[in-house]
Amino acid sequence: MSSNDHVPVLLGPVLQGLEIKQDGCYVDGTFGRGGHSGEILKRLNSYGRLIGIDRDPDAIASAPKSLTDDPRFELIRGEIAQLKTFIGERNLCGEVDGLLFDLGVSSPQLDEAHRGFSFLRDGPLDMRMDPDTGASASDFIQHVEQKELIRVLRQFGEETYAVRIARAICDARVNSPITTTGQLAHLVKEAVPAKVRAQKKHPATKTFQAIRIAINGELEQLESVLKQSVDVMRKGGRLCVISFHSLEDRLVKRFMRDVSREPEQYRGMPSIPIEFQPQFKTVGKAIVATDEEVAANRRARSARLRIVERM
């Protein structure tokens, strides 16, 4: 197990950013191992409410009893793109005081070889956030067309050597399926130039990221839930999003920028029709981890927190 288990990233800034009200209603849309949820719940009184959401069955099964036995807390297994459905079923649309999304892969997912997320631990090439649905990474690379694989590597991994890697994968799968993380990592390493293999960063990093994002629909999920946040949040409520790579952060930054200003044709006007007024306002600038936090938790090194408030 990793030393990073159960260490919530940017915990202090998240708690400060949410501006937690003791009797408020909060949603942790990426429950993980419950680090953020546990601290949020501590700050609620008997009238407060916290809902956790996660599509990973391991996260649901591993939830601490201190949370699941608490009547103020509810844990839902599902995708964040179902947010509005879940909140609507509980008659809470427009009543949520705070939303938190801690994106990407959790430390336990990376540490458990059988989940297939990490090239550092040889295991089945799976990578699904929910192993009960969708195609595994192995199935994906076995059947995807080479042109589409190149697109995935370029778009979701920002991989310079996408063509070389995709060609190597497609050539190898003709002889035998690529079924383990070790096989894929080795293929990528052999496909890239020697100068890339010599770098400190593992040459398969971007490939694993790209395939994981593709098979889990991570960016589509994120884009959907950001739009839904407008309808589920109460005025004055806070939306906090932690991202870990540029693709996520650009999407979050663009969304927060767009909903925090009026359409171009109304900018600078003294009176703006209510339907065109900004739906959120930004709260400060992007927050990154301190050197002390990064030293204690390496996962925090690329974390970036952005916050907006519902108008």
Protein backbone atom coordinates (compact mmCIF):
# COMPACT_ATOMS: atom_id res chain seq x y z
CA MET A 1 0.00 0.00 0.00
CA SER A 2 1.14 3.51 -0.66
CA SER A 3 1.98 6.03 1.98
CA ASN A 4 -0.40 8.33 0.17
CA ASP A 5 -3.48 6.25 1.06
CA HIS A 6 -6.29 8.21 2.68
CA VAL A 7 -4.43 11.53 2.37
CA PRO A 8 -6.90 14.05 0.93
CA VAL A 9 -5.22 16.54 -1.39
CA LEU A 10 -5.43 20.29 -0.66
CA LEU A 11 -7.65 19.56 2.35
CA GLY A 12 -7.22 22.93 4.05
CA PRO A 13 -7.93 25.01 0.94
CA VAL A 14 -10.93 22.81 0.09
CA LEU A 15 -12.51 23.23 3.53
CA GLN A 16 -11.86 26.97 3.42
CA GLY A 17 -13.13 27.21 -0.16
CA LEU A 18 -16.40 25.41 0.60
CA GLU A 19 -17.18 27.88 3.43
CA ILE A 20 -18.98 25.09 5.26
CA LYS A 21 -22.19 25.97 7.07
CA GLN A 22 -22.98 23.71 10.00
CA ASP A 23 -26.51 23.02 8.76
CA GLY A 24 -25.63 22.97 5.06
CA CYS A 25 -26.01 20.34 2.35
CA TYR A 26 -22.80 19.18 0.67
CA VAL A 27 -21.86 16.75 -2.09
CA ASP A 28 -18.51 15.01 -2.46
CA GLY A 29 -18.85 13.88 -6.06
CA THR A 30 -15.61 11.88 -6.05
CA PHE A 31 -15.73 10.10 -2.69
CA GLY A 32 -12.60 7.96 -3.16
CA ARG A 33 -11.55 6.78 0.27
CA GLY A 34 -13.54 9.47 2.07
CA GLY A 35 -10.74 11.76 3.19
CA HIS A 36 -12.45 15.00 2.22
CA SER A 37 -15.89 13.69 3.21
CA GLY A 38 -14.74 12.79 6.71
CA GLU A 39 -13.49 16.30 7.36
CA ILE A 40 -16.58 17.94 5.88
CA LEU A 41 -18.85 15.81 8.07
CA LYS A 42 -16.94 16.87 11.20
CA ARG A 43 -17.99 20.44 10.49
CA LEU A 44 -21.73 19.76 10.18
CA ASN A 45 -24.26 19.80 13.00
CA SER A 46 -27.23 17.44 13.35
CA TYR A 47 -29.11 19.35 10.62
CA GLY A 48 -26.27 19.15 8.11
CA ARG A 49 -26.20 16.67 5.25
CA LEU A 50 -23.42 15.13 3.15
CA ILE A 51 -23.81 13.00 0.03
CA GLY A 52 -20.88 11.05 -1.39
CA ILE A 53 -20.79 9.69 -4.95
CA ASP A 54 -18.35 7.23 -6.54
CA ARG A 55 -18.60 4.71 -9.38
CA ASP A 56 -15.77 2.54 -8.05
CA PRO A 57 -17.19 -0.45 -6.12
CA ASP A 58 -13.93 -0.70 -4.14
CA ALA A 59 -14.45 2.85 -2.89
CA ILE A 60 -17.99 2.01 -1.80
CA ALA A 61 -16.89 -1.21 -0.06
CA SER A 62 -13.98 0.53 1.68
CA ALA A 63 -16.00 3.45 3.05
CA PRO A 64 -15.28 3.91 6.77
CA LYS A 65 -18.07 2.84 9.11
CA SER A 66 -17.65 6.15 10.91
CA LEU A 67 -19.15 7.70 7.79
CA THR A 68 -21.62 5.07 6.60
CA ASP A 69 -23.14 4.70 10.09
CA ASP A 70 -23.67 8.46 10.38
CA PRO A 71 -27.31 9.43 9.67
CA ARG A 72 -26.15 12.73 8.15
CA PHE A 73 -24.21 10.89 5.43
CA GLU A 74 -25.34 8.99 2.33
CA LEU A 75 -23.04 7.18 -0.12
CA ILE A 76 -24.22 6.56 -3.68
CA ARG A 77 -22.58 4.29 -6.23
CA GLY A 78 -22.82 6.03 -9.59
CA GLU A 79 -21.19 8.38 -12.07
CA ILE A 80 -20.77 12.09 -11.45
CA ALA A 81 -22.59 12.70 -14.74
CA GLN A 82 -25.70 11.44 -12.90
CA LEU A 83 -25.43 14.24 -10.33
CA LYS A 84 -28.63 16.06 -11.20
CA THR A 85 -30.58 12.79 -11.22
CA PHE A 86 -29.30 11.81 -7.77
CA ILE A 87 -29.92 15.26 -6.30
CA GLY A 88 -33.35 15.52 -7.96
CA GLU A 89 -34.43 12.15 -6.55
CA ARG A 90 -33.77 13.59 -3.09
CA ASN A 91 -35.61 16.85 -3.85
CA LEU A 92 -32.42 18.83 -3.30
CA CYS A 93 -31.99 20.66 -6.61
CA GLY A 94 -31.17 24.28 -5.78
CA GLU A 95 -30.43 23.32 -2.16
CA VAL A 96 -26.78 22.21 -2.32
CA ASP A 97 -24.41 24.53 -0.45
CA GLY A 98 -21.19 23.00 -1.68
CA LEU A 99 -19.92 20.67 -4.40
CA LEU A 100 -16.48 19.04 -4.42
CA PHE A 101 -14.83 17.13 -7.27
CA ASP A 102 -11.37 15.64 -6.74
CA LEU A 103 -10.64 14.37 -10.24
CA GLY A 104 -8.38 11.65 -11.62
CA VAL A 105 -7.23 8.35 -10.12
CA SER A 106 -7.00 7.72 -6.38
CA SER A 107 -3.88 6.38 -4.71
CA PRO A 108 -5.51 3.02 -3.85
CA GLN A 109 -6.49 2.56 -7.50
CA LEU A 110 -2.89 3.11 -8.56
CA ASP A 111 -1.51 0.90 -5.81
CA GLU A 112 -3.66 -2.14 -6.55
CA ALA A 113 -2.14 -4.04 -9.46
CA HIS A 114 -5.37 -5.86 -10.34
CA ARG A 115 -7.03 -2.55 -11.28
CA GLY A 116 -4.55 -2.06 -14.12
CA PHE A 117 -4.06 1.70 -13.76
CA SER A 118 -0.31 1.75 -13.15
CA PHE A 119 2.62 0.75 -15.34
CA LEU A 120 4.71 0.41 -12.16
CA ARG A 121 2.81 -2.70 -11.05
CA ASP A 122 2.21 -5.54 -13.50
CA GLY A 123 -1.40 -6.66 -13.55
CA PRO A 124 -4.43 -7.11 -15.80
CA LEU A 125 -4.79 -4.23 -18.25
CA ASP A 126 -8.17 -2.96 -17.04
CA MET A 127 -8.19 0.74 -16.03
CA ARG A 128 -11.98 0.94 -15.60
CA MET A 129 -13.21 3.13 -12.75
CA ASP A 130 -16.18 0.76 -12.57
CA PRO A 131 -15.00 -2.75 -13.47
CA ASP A 132 -18.60 -3.88 -13.96
CA THR A 133 -19.27 -1.66 -16.98
CA GLY A 134 -17.70 -0.82 -20.31
CA ALA A 135 -14.66 -2.19 -22.12
CA SER A 136 -11.35 -2.73 -20.36
CA ALA A 137 -8.17 -1.07 -21.61
CA SER A 138 -7.09 -4.45 -22.99
CA ASP A 139 -10.31 -4.79 -25.00
CA PHE A 140 -10.02 -1.20 -26.17
CA ILE A 141 -6.52 -1.47 -27.60
CA GLN A 142 -7.28 -4.88 -29.09
CA HIS A 143 -10.12 -3.55 -31.25
CA VAL A 144 -9.54 0.20 -31.73
CA GLU A 145 -8.50 1.33 -35.21
CA GLN A 146 -4.97 2.66 -35.46
CA LYS A 147 -6.14 6.09 -36.62
CA GLU A 148 -8.46 6.38 -33.61
CA LEU A 149 -5.73 5.23 -31.23
CA ILE A 150 -3.44 7.94 -32.57
CA ARG A 151 -6.18 10.50 -31.93
CA VAL A 152 -6.70 9.25 -28.36
CA LEU A 153 -2.98 9.37 -27.58
CA ARG A 154 -2.64 12.87 -29.02
CA GLN A 155 -5.83 14.35 -27.58
CA PHE A 156 -5.96 12.75 -24.14
CA GLY A 157 -2.27 12.10 -23.55
CA GLU A 158 -0.76 15.00 -25.50
CA GLU A 159 1.71 12.34 -26.66
CA THR A 160 4.37 13.53 -29.13
CA TYR A 161 5.08 10.02 -30.38
CA ALA A 162 1.46 8.94 -30.78
CA VAL A 163 1.99 7.54 -34.29
CA ARG A 164 4.98 5.40 -33.29
CA ILE A 165 3.24 4.08 -30.16
CA ALA A 166 -0.04 3.33 -31.93
CA ARG A 167 1.77 1.51 -34.72
CA ALA A 168 3.72 -0.59 -32.21
CA ILE A 169 0.53 -1.53 -30.34
CA CYS A 170 -1.35 -2.44 -33.51
CA ASP A 171 1.57 -4.52 -34.83
CA ALA A 172 1.95 -6.39 -31.53
CA ARG A 173 -1.74 -7.22 -31.10
CA VAL A 174 -1.74 -9.12 -34.40
CA ASN A 175 0.42 -11.82 -32.81
CA SER A 176 -1.14 -11.91 -29.36
CA PRO A 177 -3.50 -9.77 -27.24
CA ILE A 178 -1.97 -7.14 -24.97
CA THR A 179 -3.46 -8.13 -21.62
CA THR A 180 -1.15 -6.77 -18.90
CA THR A 181 0.11 -3.37 -17.84
CA GLY A 182 3.67 -4.65 -18.10
CA GLN A 183 3.19 -5.64 -21.74
CA LEU A 184 1.80 -2.24 -22.69
CA ALA A 185 4.45 -0.32 -20.76
CA HIS A 186 7.22 -2.34 -22.45
CA LEU A 187 5.71 -1.78 -25.90
CA VAL A 188 5.57 1.97 -25.38
CA LYS A 189 9.10 2.09 -24.00
CA GLU A 190 10.45 0.26 -27.02
CA ALA A 191 8.48 2.43 -29.45
CA VAL A 192 9.75 5.83 -28.36
CA PRO A 193 13.22 7.26 -29.13
CA ALA A 194 16.14 6.40 -26.86
CA LYS A 195 16.32 9.98 -25.58
CA VAL A 196 12.76 9.62 -24.21
CA ARG A 197 13.56 6.27 -22.55
CA ALA A 198 16.46 7.96 -20.77
CA GLN A 199 14.26 10.61 -19.16
CA LYS A 200 13.17 10.37 -15.53
CA LYS A 201 9.47 10.31 -16.44
CA HIS A 202 8.34 6.86 -17.59
CA PRO A 203 7.66 6.93 -21.35
CA ALA A 204 4.31 5.13 -20.87
CA THR A 205 2.88 7.83 -18.57
CA LYS A 206 0.98 9.73 -21.27
CA THR A 207 -0.22 6.56 -23.00
CA PHE A 208 -1.71 5.16 -19.79
CA GLN A 209 -3.36 8.51 -19.04
CA ALA A 210 -4.84 8.76 -22.54
CA ILE A 211 -6.30 5.25 -22.59
CA ARG A 212 -7.69 5.62 -19.06
CA ILE A 213 -9.41 8.91 -19.92
CA ALA A 214 -10.82 7.44 -23.12
CA ILE A 215 -12.33 4.24 -21.74
CA ASN A 216 -13.80 5.97 -18.68
CA GLY A 217 -15.16 8.99 -20.56
CA GLU A 218 -13.56 11.20 -17.92
CA LEU A 219 -13.66 14.50 -19.78
CA GLU A 220 -17.25 13.94 -20.94
CA GLN A 221 -18.23 13.12 -17.36
CA LEU A 222 -16.53 16.29 -16.11
CA GLU A 223 -18.07 18.54 -18.74
CA SER A 224 -21.53 17.14 -17.99
CA VAL A 225 -21.32 17.52 -14.21
CA LEU A 226 -20.00 21.08 -14.41
CA LYS A 227 -23.07 22.08 -16.43
CA GLN A 228 -25.36 20.30 -13.95
CA SER A 229 -23.81 22.17 -11.01
CA VAL A 230 -25.69 25.29 -12.08
CA ASP A 231 -29.04 23.64 -11.37
CA VAL A 232 -28.25 21.79 -8.14
CA MET A 233 -26.52 24.56 -6.20
CA ARG A 234 -28.05 27.11 -3.88
CA LYS A 235 -27.24 30.81 -4.32
CA GLY A 236 -24.06 31.48 -2.39
CA GLY A 237 -22.98 27.84 -2.67
CA ARG A 238 -19.41 26.98 -3.60
CA LEU A 239 -18.08 24.66 -6.31
CA CYS A 240 -14.54 23.35 -5.71
CA VAL A 241 -12.73 21.31 -8.36
CA ILE A 242 -9.29 19.72 -7.99
CA SER A 243 -7.65 18.72 -11.28
CA PHE A 244 -4.37 16.91 -11.88
CA HIS A 245 -3.50 17.46 -15.52
CA SER A 246 -3.84 20.20 -18.11
CA LEU A 247 -6.78 18.66 -19.99
CA GLU A 248 -8.97 18.64 -16.88
CA ASP A 249 -7.78 22.02 -15.70
CA ARG A 250 -8.38 23.72 -19.05
CA LEU A 251 -11.94 22.36 -19.12
CA VAL A 252 -12.61 23.53 -15.55
CA LYS A 253 -10.99 26.91 -16.12
CA ARG A 254 -12.99 27.51 -19.31
CA PHE A 255 -16.28 26.53 -17.65
CA MET A 256 -15.66 28.76 -14.63
CA ARG A 257 -14.65 31.65 -16.87
CA ASP A 258 -17.72 31.33 -19.07
CA VAL A 259 -20.27 31.10 -16.23
CA SER A 260 -18.66 33.97 -14.33
CA ARG A 261 -19.23 36.63 -16.96
CA GLU A 262 -22.08 37.91 -19.07
CA PRO A 263 -22.26 37.20 -22.82
CA GLU A 264 -20.01 39.44 -24.90
CA GLN A 265 -22.88 41.53 -26.29
CA TYR A 266 -23.85 42.61 -22.74
CA ARG A 267 -20.40 43.33 -21.31
CA GLY A 268 -20.04 46.83 -19.93
CA MET A 269 -23.78 47.51 -20.02
CA PRO A 270 -25.34 49.02 -16.85
CA SER A 271 -28.41 46.77 -17.04
CA ILE A 272 -28.31 43.11 -18.11
CA PRO A 273 -31.42 40.91 -18.49
CA ILE A 274 -31.54 38.39 -15.66
CA GLU A 275 -31.26 35.39 -17.99
CA PHE A 276 -27.90 36.71 -19.23
CA GLN A 277 -26.40 37.64 -15.87
CA PRO A 278 -23.41 35.58 -14.65
CA GLN A 279 -24.36 32.38 -12.83
CA PHE A 280 -21.17 32.21 -10.75
CA LYS A 281 -18.36 34.42 -9.58
CA THR A 282 -14.77 33.23 -9.29
CA VAL A 283 -13.21 32.98 -5.83
CA GLY A 284 -9.52 33.83 -5.93
CA LYS A 285 -7.00 32.24 -8.27
CA ALA A 286 -6.06 28.62 -8.78
CA ILE A 287 -4.55 27.10 -5.63
CA VAL A 288 -1.64 24.64 -5.67
CA ALA A 289 -0.14 22.56 -2.89
CA THR A 290 2.56 23.93 -0.64
CA ASP A 291 6.06 22.46 -0.70
CA GLU A 292 5.29 20.87 2.67
CA GLU A 293 2.19 19.09 1.34
CA VAL A 294 4.01 17.86 -1.76
CA ALA A 295 6.79 16.46 0.42
CA ALA A 296 4.22 14.58 2.51
CA ASN A 297 2.01 13.49 -0.40
CA ARG A 298 3.50 13.26 -3.90
CA ARG A 299 0.04 13.08 -5.49
CA ALA A 300 -0.43 16.73 -4.52
CA ARG A 301 2.42 17.95 -6.72
CA SER A 302 0.23 18.45 -9.80
CA ALA A 303 -3.03 19.28 -8.01
CA ARG A 304 -4.78 22.54 -8.84
CA LEU A 305 -7.91 23.76 -7.04
CA ARG A 306 -10.34 26.23 -8.61
CA ILE A 307 -13.37 27.69 -6.84
CA VAL A 308 -16.51 29.53 -7.93
CA GLU A 309 -19.57 30.74 -6.01
CA ARG A 310 -23.17 30.45 -7.25
CA MET A 311 -24.72 33.85 -7.83
